[in-house]
Each structure stands twice: as structure tokens, then as C-alpha cells.
Protein backbone atom coordinates (compact mmCIF):
# COMPACT_ATOMS: atom_id res chain seq x y z
CA UNK A 1 -6.28 90.02 111.15
CA UNK A 2 -4.66 86.78 112.64
CA UNK A 3 -3.22 85.78 109.35
CA UNK A 4 -1.75 89.22 108.91
CA UNK A 5 -0.03 89.07 112.35
CA UNK A 6 1.42 85.77 111.87
CA UNK A 7 3.08 86.97 108.57
CA UNK A 8 4.36 90.07 110.33
CA UNK A 9 5.88 87.77 113.04
CA UNK A 10 7.39 85.33 110.42
CA UNK A 11 8.98 88.23 108.50
CA UNK A 12 10.29 89.92 111.59
CA UNK A 13 11.80 86.68 112.94
CA UNK A 14 13.36 85.96 109.53
CA UNK A 15 15.04 89.38 109.40
CA UNK A 16 16.22 88.96 113.02
CA UNK A 17 17.72 85.62 112.19
CA UNK A 18 19.41 86.88 109.09
CA UNK A 19 20.80 89.79 110.98
CA UNK A 20 22.15 87.55 113.66
CA UNK A 21 23.74 85.24 111.15
CA UNK A 22 25.45 88.26 109.35
CA UNK A 23 26.71 89.50 112.74
CA UNK A 24 28.04 86.04 113.70
CA UNK A 25 29.78 85.72 110.37
CA UNK A 26 31.40 89.23 110.64
CA UNK A 27 32.60 88.48 114.14
CA UNK A 28 34.07 85.08 113.24
CA UNK A 29 35.74 86.36 110.14
CA UNK A 30 37.40 89.15 112.06
CA UNK A 31 38.41 86.90 115.00
CA UNK A 32 39.98 84.26 112.61
CA UNK A 33 41.62 86.44 110.09
CA UNK A 34 45.26 87.50 110.24
CA UNK A 35 44.36 91.02 109.01
CA UNK A 36 44.71 93.10 112.09
CA UNK A 37 46.47 96.61 112.02
CA UNK A 38 49.99 96.06 110.68
CA UNK A 39 49.96 92.37 111.34
CA UNK A 40 49.81 92.84 115.04
CA UNK A 41 47.79 89.68 115.50
CA UNK A 42 50.62 87.65 114.25
CA UNK A 43 53.04 89.10 116.84
CA UNK A 44 50.46 88.93 119.55
CA UNK A 45 50.02 85.24 119.21
CA UNK A 46 53.66 84.23 118.50
CA UNK A 47 55.06 81.07 120.13
CA UNK A 48 57.32 83.07 122.38
CA UNK A 49 54.50 85.41 123.69
CA UNK A 50 52.21 82.48 124.13
CA UNK A 51 54.89 80.72 126.26
CA UNK A 52 55.49 83.78 128.31
CA UNK A 53 51.78 84.27 128.91
CA UNK A 54 51.47 80.63 130.00
CA UNK A 55 54.39 80.93 132.36
CA UNK A 56 52.91 84.11 133.79
CA UNK A 57 49.60 82.34 134.43
CA UNK A 58 51.38 79.35 135.99
CA UNK A 59 53.43 81.74 138.24
CA UNK A 60 50.38 83.48 139.44
CA UNK A 61 48.52 80.31 140.25
CA UNK A 62 51.60 79.14 142.17
CA UNK A 63 51.70 82.32 144.08
CA UNK A 64 48.03 81.86 144.98
CA UNK A 65 48.73 78.30 146.02
CA UNK A 66 51.70 79.27 148.22
CA UNK A 67 49.58 82.01 149.92
CA UNK A 68 46.70 79.60 150.48
CA UNK A 69 49.05 76.95 152.00
CA UNK A 70 50.62 79.66 154.18
CA UNK A 71 47.21 80.91 155.43
CA UNK A 72 46.35 77.19 156.16
CA UNK A 73 49.58 76.95 158.23
CA UNK A 74 50.99 74.26 155.90
CA UNK A 75 54.04 76.49 155.25
CA UNK A 76 56.20 78.31 157.75
CA UNK A 77 56.49 82.07 157.72
CA UNK A 78 60.20 81.80 156.72
CA UNK A 79 59.48 79.27 153.95
CA UNK A 80 56.52 81.44 152.72
CA UNK A 81 58.69 84.66 152.55
CA UNK A 82 61.42 82.79 150.63
CA UNK A 83 58.98 81.16 148.17
CA UNK A 84 57.01 84.31 147.79
CA UNK A 85 59.98 86.33 146.95
CA UNK A 86 61.35 83.81 144.54
CA UNK A 87 58.14 83.52 142.66
CA UNK A 88 57.53 87.25 142.60
CA UNK A 89 61.00 87.80 141.12
CA UNK A 90 60.35 85.18 138.34
CA UNK A 91 56.89 86.79 137.63
CA UNK A 92 58.66 90.23 137.34
CA UNK A 93 60.97 88.91 134.78
CA UNK A 94 58.27 87.37 132.72
CA UNK A 95 56.16 90.57 132.90
CA UNK A 96 59.14 92.53 131.88
CA UNK A 97 59.67 90.23 128.88
CA UNK A 98 55.96 90.63 127.90
CA UNK A 99 56.34 94.40 128.20
CA UNK A 100 59.46 94.45 125.96
CA UNK A 101 57.53 92.62 123.32
CA UNK A 102 54.64 95.15 123.41
CA UNK A 103 56.88 98.09 122.66
CA UNK A 104 56.20 97.78 119.00
CA UNK A 105 52.47 97.89 119.65
CA UNK A 106 52.74 101.03 121.76
CA UNK A 107 54.60 102.74 119.04
CA UNK A 108 52.02 101.68 116.38
CA UNK A 109 49.19 102.70 118.73
CA UNK A 110 50.68 106.14 119.34
CA UNK A 111 51.15 106.72 115.76
CA UNK A 112 47.57 105.81 115.05
CA UNK A 113 46.38 108.03 117.69
CA UNK A 114 48.41 110.93 116.40
CA UNK A 115 47.14 110.20 112.85
CA UNK A 116 43.50 110.14 114.12
CA UNK A 117 43.96 113.43 116.10
CA UNK A 118 45.59 115.08 113.10
CA UNK A 119 42.57 114.06 110.95
CA UNK A 120 40.18 115.51 113.43
CA UNK A 121 41.86 118.86 113.63
């Protein structure tokens, strides 16, 4: 009986390991491939978009820093208001640029949704 259980355990563990490796391979192949609906992946990671995302993250970090320094009384209220407004205006411009670049994705997504709904009807 003990010999039988050890073989069942070995077979079950082997199947689980093979299943895990297959799942890992599928995940990595999808993540690293350039084949995503209509080449959307290539547009998402374009240099311009990457730069805008980096700029957005830097601005958000700077906004947090300015707010922290104001809360710690290192920046006066007037300076805080000026810096805060300036950084928020820059962040709005970056977000608008990111949104403008996403317009084609919205159109593509709406088309896919309409197509899917038509198929289900």
C-alpha cells in the first residue's frame, strides 16, 4: 500500500509540475510577443508614450513631495499654492496627451465590443 501511495504522489506531483511549466510558458509567450489585437502592444509601448508615462509618474511624485514639505511647514502656503498649481497644470497636459494617444484603442475596443455583441445576438 505504501509503495502504491508513493507512486500516486510522484505522478500527481509530476503532472502538477508539467501543468505549471505549461502555464508559465503560455504566460511568458503572450507577455513577450508582439501579437496583441491589431498591434496595440506596439503602440502602447512606443517611446513617446513611455516618455509621457515617465513624466506623469515624476510629476505625481513631485506633487506628493511638495504636499509633504508643505505639511512639514518647509514651504509657505503661497509657495505651495503656486507650485501645486504649476505641477497640476503640467500633469493635466501630460494626461491629455496620454488620452489623445489612447483614442485609437477606444475605437478598436468599441468595435470589438460591437462585434462581440452582434455575434451573441
